[in-house]
Amino acid sequence: MRPIFTVHAGEYLAATEIERRFRNLDVWIPSKDRGIDLLVTNPETQRMVSLQIKFSKDFTQMGKQPELKWSFKATGWWTHRRDKIGKSPADLWVFVLPSFEDKDTSFVVIQPKELLRRLSIIHVARTAIIHSYLWVTRESKSKCWETRGITKDEQKAIIAGKPVPAERDFSLFLNNWDLMTDQLK
């Protein structure tokens, strides 16, 4: 069994958020790393959901145009292997986007098949490695976008609320813990 101190920041933040929001659920850490970072169980229904947690430091203040960087609450960067997403044993993937400026954390909760479908459309080059950026807007009803490879004009369009390709809009998955709780009913 791995020691408790090997839990990474993303696992800690996700587990803490689940326990804060859903006091009736239990969060477990598997003793072996087989592509599942957390197990969430509902003692009432005896159901379980497995989660793969992906953490990124906040890149909001790095390298963005000054007029753009203050429009985003959090931005993260991940490197994925297509085959790992496709073969993931986890029911859901949770992307953890901490905002150090706002002292808040956003979570993108998504099924691995839907994640792979969207990333395959966005990043059509069939490379084994996919670089992905998720940006969360600062507006009152935050939105989330996959922005790797977009132009500066497209970045401005996101801020202005103009249409961007639907596959890039991850807002449906932003803080959408219903995807987890629905499986636990």
C-alpha atoms as a PDB file:
ATOM      1  CA  MET A   1       0.000   0.000   0.000  1.00  0.00           C
ATOM      2  CA  ARG A   2       1.363   3.420  -0.886  1.00  0.00           C
ATOM      3  CA  PRO A   3       1.850   5.845   1.974  1.00  0.00           C
ATOM      4  CA  ILE A   4      -0.708   8.613   2.464  1.00  0.00           C
ATOM      5  CA  PHE A   5       1.838  11.394   1.868  1.00  0.00           C
ATOM      6  CA  THR A   6       2.068  10.478  -1.832  1.00  0.00           C
ATOM      7  CA  VAL A   7      -1.393  11.933  -2.499  1.00  0.00           C
ATOM      8  CA  HIS A   8      -0.808  14.792  -4.923  1.00  0.00           C
ATOM      9  CA  ALA A   9      -2.353  18.242  -4.659  1.00  0.00           C
ATOM     10  CA  GLY A  10      -5.053  17.561  -7.251  1.00  0.00           C
ATOM     11  CA  GLU A  11      -6.217  14.408  -5.473  1.00  0.00           C
ATOM     12  CA  TYR A  12      -6.320  16.285  -2.177  1.00  0.00           C
ATOM     13  CA  LEU A  13      -8.275  19.239  -3.642  1.00  0.00           C
ATOM     14  CA  ALA A  14     -10.765  16.965  -5.447  1.00  0.00           C
ATOM     15  CA  ALA A  15     -11.325  14.752  -2.391  1.00  0.00           C
ATOM     16  CA  THR A  16     -11.775  17.794  -0.166  1.00  0.00           C
ATOM     17  CA  GLU A  17     -14.299  19.319  -2.591  1.00  0.00           C
ATOM     18  CA  ILE A  18     -16.294  16.065  -2.794  1.00  0.00           C
ATOM     19  CA  GLU A  19     -16.369  15.712   0.988  1.00  0.00           C
ATOM     20  CA  ARG A  20     -17.412  19.374   1.380  1.00  0.00           C
ATOM     21  CA  ARG A  21     -20.228  19.156  -1.176  1.00  0.00           C
ATOM     22  CA  PHE A  22     -21.472  15.646  -0.423  1.00  0.00           C
ATOM     23  CA  ARG A  23     -21.246  14.794   3.259  1.00  0.00           C
ATOM     24  CA  ASN A  24     -23.017  11.462   2.723  1.00  0.00           C
ATOM     25  CA  LEU A  25     -20.339  10.133   0.318  1.00  0.00           C
ATOM     26  CA  ASP A  26     -17.034   8.468   1.190  1.00  0.00           C
ATOM     27  CA  VAL A  27     -13.754   9.091  -0.656  1.00  0.00           C
ATOM     28  CA  TRP A  28     -11.123   6.352  -0.827  1.00  0.00           C
ATOM     29  CA  ILE A  29      -7.541   6.209  -2.067  1.00  0.00           C
ATOM     30  CA  PRO A  30      -6.620   2.965  -3.876  1.00  0.00           C
ATOM     31  CA  SER A  31      -3.509   1.194  -2.592  1.00  0.00           C
ATOM     32  CA  LYS A  32      -2.153   0.648  -6.151  1.00  0.00           C
ATOM     33  CA  ASP A  33      -1.906   3.031  -9.074  1.00  0.00           C
ATOM     34  CA  ARG A  34      -3.816   1.424 -11.931  1.00  0.00           C
ATOM     35  CA  GLY A  35      -5.253   4.570 -13.490  1.00  0.00           C
ATOM     36  CA  ILE A  36      -7.729   5.333 -10.732  1.00  0.00           C
ATOM     37  CA  ASP A  37      -6.783   7.984  -8.187  1.00  0.00           C
ATOM     38  CA  LEU A  38      -9.918   8.166  -6.041  1.00  0.00           C
ATOM     39  CA  LEU A  39     -12.934   5.971  -5.385  1.00  0.00           C
ATOM     40  CA  VAL A  40     -16.158   7.593  -4.264  1.00  0.00           C
ATOM     41  CA  THR A  41     -18.813   5.432  -2.659  1.00  0.00           C
ATOM     42  CA  ASN A  42     -22.369   5.959  -1.528  1.00  0.00           C
ATOM     43  CA  PRO A  43     -22.939   3.828   1.596  1.00  0.00           C
ATOM     44  CA  GLU A  44     -26.724   4.032   1.110  1.00  0.00           C
ATOM     45  CA  THR A  45     -26.776   2.566  -2.403  1.00  0.00           C
ATOM     46  CA  GLN A  46     -23.547   0.530  -2.272  1.00  0.00           C
ATOM     47  CA  ARG A  47     -22.500   2.170  -5.579  1.00  0.00           C
ATOM     48  CA  MET A  48     -19.032   3.383  -6.519  1.00  0.00           C
ATOM     49  CA  VAL A  49     -17.455   5.803  -9.012  1.00  0.00           C
ATOM     50  CA  SER A  50     -13.771   5.766  -9.938  1.00  0.00           C
ATOM     51  CA  LEU A  51     -11.961   9.025 -10.701  1.00  0.00           C
ATOM     52  CA  GLN A  52      -8.759   9.875 -12.529  1.00  0.00           C
ATOM     53  CA  ILE A  53      -7.505  13.227 -11.217  1.00  0.00           C
ATOM     54  CA  LYS A  54      -5.464  15.612 -13.368  1.00  0.00           C
ATOM     55  CA  PHE A  55      -3.871  18.656 -11.719  1.00  0.00           C
ATOM     56  CA  SER A  56      -2.209  21.691 -13.240  1.00  0.00           C
ATOM     57  CA  LYS A  57      -0.670  24.713 -11.677  1.00  0.00           C
ATOM     58  CA  ASP A  58      -2.341  27.983 -12.587  1.00  0.00           C
ATOM     59  CA  PHE A  59      -0.867  29.511 -15.753  1.00  0.00           C
ATOM     60  CA  THR A  60      -3.212  32.533 -15.794  1.00  0.00           C
ATOM     61  CA  GLN A  61      -0.549  35.190 -15.371  1.00  0.00           C
ATOM     62  CA  MET A  62       2.050  33.649 -17.691  1.00  0.00           C
ATOM     63  CA  GLY A  63       2.597  34.958 -21.218  1.00  0.00           C
ATOM     64  CA  LYS A  64      -0.903  36.240 -21.953  1.00  0.00           C
ATOM     65  CA  GLN A  65      -1.689  39.652 -23.328  1.00  0.00           C
ATOM     66  CA  PRO A  66      -2.496  41.998 -20.398  1.00  0.00           C
ATOM     67  CA  GLU A  67      -6.041  42.606 -21.642  1.00  0.00           C
ATOM     68  CA  LEU A  68      -6.650  38.839 -21.739  1.00  0.00           C
ATOM     69  CA  LYS A  69      -5.066  37.478 -18.588  1.00  0.00           C
ATOM     70  CA  TRP A  70      -7.430  39.244 -16.160  1.00  0.00           C
ATOM     71  CA  SER A  71     -10.432  37.716 -17.934  1.00  0.00           C
ATOM     72  CA  PHE A  72      -9.527  34.220 -16.758  1.00  0.00           C
ATOM     73  CA  LYS A  73      -9.948  32.783 -13.276  1.00  0.00           C
ATOM     74  CA  ALA A  74      -7.731  29.770 -13.948  1.00  0.00           C
ATOM     75  CA  THR A  75      -5.837  28.200 -16.810  1.00  0.00           C
ATOM     76  CA  GLY A  76      -4.170  24.803 -16.883  1.00  0.00           C
ATOM     77  CA  TRP A  77      -1.997  22.731 -19.196  1.00  0.00           C
ATOM     78  CA  TRP A  78      -1.916  18.946 -19.517  1.00  0.00           C
ATOM     79  CA  THR A  79      -0.140  16.431 -21.704  1.00  0.00           C
ATOM     80  CA  HIS A  80      -2.227  13.350 -22.495  1.00  0.00           C
ATOM     81  CA  ARG A  81      -1.508  10.092 -24.229  1.00  0.00           C
ATOM     82  CA  ARG A  82      -4.396   9.180 -26.543  1.00  0.00           C
ATOM     83  CA  ASP A  83      -4.125   5.495 -25.697  1.00  0.00           C
ATOM     84  CA  LYS A  84      -4.268   6.182 -21.934  1.00  0.00           C
ATOM     85  CA  ILE A  85      -7.490   8.172 -22.292  1.00  0.00           C
ATOM     86  CA  GLY A  86      -8.983   5.502 -24.549  1.00  0.00           C
ATOM     87  CA  LYS A  87      -8.095   2.656 -22.174  1.00  0.00           C
ATOM     88  CA  SER A  88      -8.788   4.519 -18.943  1.00  0.00           C
ATOM     89  CA  PRO A  89     -10.425   2.306 -16.296  1.00  0.00           C
ATOM     90  CA  ALA A  90     -11.787   5.416 -14.522  1.00  0.00           C
ATOM     91  CA  ASP A  91     -15.474   6.297 -14.832  1.00  0.00           C
ATOM     92  CA  LEU A  92     -14.685  10.014 -14.838  1.00  0.00           C
ATOM     93  CA  TRP A  93     -11.676  12.286 -15.230  1.00  0.00           C
ATOM     94  CA  VAL A  94     -11.479  15.367 -13.039  1.00  0.00           C
ATOM     95  CA  PHE A  95      -9.281  18.280 -14.096  1.00  0.00           C
ATOM     96  CA  VAL A  96      -8.305  20.451 -11.155  1.00  0.00           C
ATOM     97  CA  LEU A  97      -7.720  24.134 -11.958  1.00  0.00           C
ATOM     98  CA  PRO A  98      -6.661  26.138  -8.919  1.00  0.00           C
ATOM     99  CA  SER A  99      -6.896  29.910  -9.105  1.00  0.00           C
ATOM    100  CA  PHE A 100      -4.273  31.338  -6.826  1.00  0.00           C
ATOM    101  CA  GLU A 101      -5.422  34.888  -7.565  1.00  0.00           C
ATOM    102  CA  ASP A 102      -9.057  34.124  -6.588  1.00  0.00           C
ATOM    103  CA  LYS A 103      -8.148  31.513  -3.952  1.00  0.00           C
ATOM    104  CA  ASP A 104     -10.679  29.201  -5.583  1.00  0.00           C
ATOM    105  CA  THR A 105     -10.550  25.916  -7.465  1.00  0.00           C
ATOM    106  CA  SER A 106     -12.525  24.910 -10.551  1.00  0.00           C
ATOM    107  CA  PHE A 107     -13.106  21.290 -11.549  1.00  0.00           C
ATOM    108  CA  VAL A 108     -13.850  19.873 -14.996  1.00  0.00           C
ATOM    109  CA  VAL A 109     -15.629  16.527 -14.551  1.00  0.00           C
ATOM    110  CA  ILE A 110     -15.878  14.510 -17.786  1.00  0.00           C
ATOM    111  CA  GLN A 111     -16.175  10.937 -19.061  1.00  0.00           C
ATOM    112  CA  PRO A 112     -12.917   9.726 -20.669  1.00  0.00           C
ATOM    113  CA  LYS A 113     -14.682   8.722 -23.919  1.00  0.00           C
ATOM    114  CA  GLU A 114     -16.190  12.205 -24.271  1.00  0.00           C
ATOM    115  CA  LEU A 115     -12.823  13.777 -23.470  1.00  0.00           C
ATOM    116  CA  LEU A 116     -11.098  11.698 -26.149  1.00  0.00           C
ATOM    117  CA  ARG A 117     -13.861  12.436 -28.686  1.00  0.00           C
ATOM    118  CA  ARG A 118     -13.542  16.184 -28.158  1.00  0.00           C
ATOM    119  CA  LEU A 119      -9.743  16.233 -28.117  1.00  0.00           C
ATOM    120  CA  SER A 120      -9.642  14.134 -31.309  1.00  0.00           C
ATOM    121  CA  ILE A 121     -11.826  16.701 -33.090  1.00  0.00           C
ATOM    122  CA  ILE A 122      -9.874  19.682 -31.750  1.00  0.00           C
ATOM    123  CA  HIS A 123      -6.429  18.155 -32.282  1.00  0.00           C
ATOM    124  CA  VAL A 124      -6.921  16.324 -35.563  1.00  0.00           C
ATOM    125  CA  ALA A 125      -3.264  15.412 -35.992  1.00  0.00           C
ATOM    126  CA  ARG A 126      -3.119  11.788 -34.858  1.00  0.00           C
ATOM    127  CA  THR A 127      -0.105  12.189 -32.626  1.00  0.00           C
ATOM    128  CA  ALA A 128       0.245   9.919 -29.604  1.00  0.00           C
ATOM    129  CA  ILE A 129       0.612  12.941 -27.314  1.00  0.00           C
ATOM    130  CA  ILE A 130      -2.026  15.677 -26.981  1.00  0.00           C
ATOM    131  CA  HIS A 131      -1.291  18.988 -25.309  1.00  0.00           C
ATOM    132  CA  SER A 132      -4.432  20.499 -23.848  1.00  0.00           C
ATOM    133  CA  TYR A 133      -5.158  23.883 -22.276  1.00  0.00           C
ATOM    134  CA  LEU A 134      -8.307  24.477 -20.244  1.00  0.00           C
ATOM    135  CA  TRP A 135      -9.205  28.083 -19.415  1.00  0.00           C
ATOM    136  CA  VAL A 136     -11.945  29.120 -16.980  1.00  0.00           C
ATOM    137  CA  THR A 137     -13.390  32.604 -17.436  1.00  0.00           C
ATOM    138  CA  ARG A 138     -13.767  34.998 -14.542  1.00  0.00           C
ATOM    139  CA  GLU A 139     -17.335  36.136 -15.337  1.00  0.00           C
ATOM    140  CA  SER A 140     -20.148  35.522 -12.814  1.00  0.00           C
ATOM    141  CA  LYS A 141     -21.295  32.345 -14.605  1.00  0.00           C
ATOM    142  CA  SER A 142     -17.868  30.963 -15.459  1.00  0.00           C
ATOM    143  CA  LYS A 143     -17.288  29.099 -18.685  1.00  0.00           C
ATOM    144  CA  CYS A 144     -14.525  26.688 -19.626  1.00  0.00           C
ATOM    145  CA  TRP A 145     -12.734  26.347 -22.948  1.00  0.00           C
ATOM    146  CA  GLU A 146     -10.073  24.081 -24.460  1.00  0.00           C
ATOM    147  CA  THR A 147      -7.780  26.637 -26.055  1.00  0.00           C
ATOM    148  CA  ARG A 148      -4.660  24.861 -27.313  1.00  0.00           C
ATOM    149  CA  GLY A 149      -3.878  26.098 -30.826  1.00  0.00           C
ATOM    150  CA  ILE A 150      -6.357  28.982 -31.030  1.00  0.00           C
ATOM    151  CA  THR A 151      -5.398  32.420 -32.333  1.00  0.00           C
ATOM    152  CA  LYS A 152      -5.301  35.635 -30.315  1.00  0.00           C
ATOM    153  CA  ASP A 153      -8.477  36.735 -32.129  1.00  0.00           C
ATOM    154  CA  GLU A 154     -10.180  33.503 -31.052  1.00  0.00           C
ATOM    155  CA  GLN A 155      -9.020  34.144 -27.469  1.00  0.00           C
ATOM    156  CA  LYS A 156     -10.660  37.570 -27.632  1.00  0.00           C
ATOM    157  CA  ALA A 157     -13.827  35.979 -29.078  1.00  0.00           C
ATOM    158  CA  ILE A 158     -14.038  33.659 -26.048  1.00  0.00           C
ATOM    159  CA  ILE A 159     -13.809  36.640 -23.696  1.00  0.00           C
ATOM    160  CA  ALA A 160     -16.421  38.542 -25.709  1.00  0.00           C
ATOM    161  CA  GLY A 161     -18.793  35.562 -25.579  1.00  0.00           C
ATOM    162  CA  LYS A 162     -18.756  35.064 -29.341  1.00  0.00           C
ATOM    163  CA  PRO A 163     -19.300  31.596 -30.824  1.00  0.00           C
ATOM    164  CA  VAL A 164     -16.347  29.225 -30.805  1.00  0.00           C
ATOM    165  CA  PRO A 165     -16.435  25.613 -32.094  1.00  0.00           C
ATOM    166  CA  ALA A 166     -18.710  23.566 -29.799  1.00  0.00           C
ATOM    167  CA  GLU A 167     -16.045  20.914 -29.120  1.00  0.00           C
ATOM    168  CA  ARG A 168     -13.910  23.573 -27.427  1.00  0.00           C
ATOM    169  CA  ASP A 169     -16.681  24.544 -25.002  1.00  0.00           C
ATOM    170  CA  PHE A 170     -16.169  22.480 -21.827  1.00  0.00           C
ATOM    171  CA  SER A 171     -18.583  24.631 -19.779  1.00  0.00           C
ATOM    172  CA  LEU A 172     -21.056  21.737 -19.493  1.00  0.00           C
ATOM    173  CA  PHE A 173     -18.421  19.848 -17.494  1.00  0.00           C
ATOM    174  CA  LEU A 174     -17.289  22.767 -15.323  1.00  0.00           C
ATOM    175  CA  ASN A 175     -17.987  21.909 -11.673  1.00  0.00           C
ATOM    176  CA  ASN A 176     -20.554  19.381 -12.932  1.00  0.00           C
ATOM    177  CA  TRP A 177     -20.461  16.909 -10.057  1.00  0.00           C
ATOM    178  CA  ASP A 178     -23.870  15.587 -11.223  1.00  0.00           C
ATOM    179  CA  LEU A 179     -21.953  13.288 -13.584  1.00  0.00           C
ATOM    180  CA  MET A 180     -20.544  11.637 -10.457  1.00  0.00           C
ATOM    181  CA  THR A 181     -23.604  11.714  -8.204  1.00  0.00           C
ATOM    182  CA  ASP A 182     -25.912  10.361 -10.933  1.00  0.00           C
ATOM    183  CA  GLN A 183     -23.817   7.173 -11.004  1.00  0.00           C
ATOM    184  CA  LEU A 184     -24.036   6.860  -7.220  1.00  0.00           C
ATOM    185  CA  LYS A 185     -27.874   6.906  -7.007  1.00  0.00           C
END
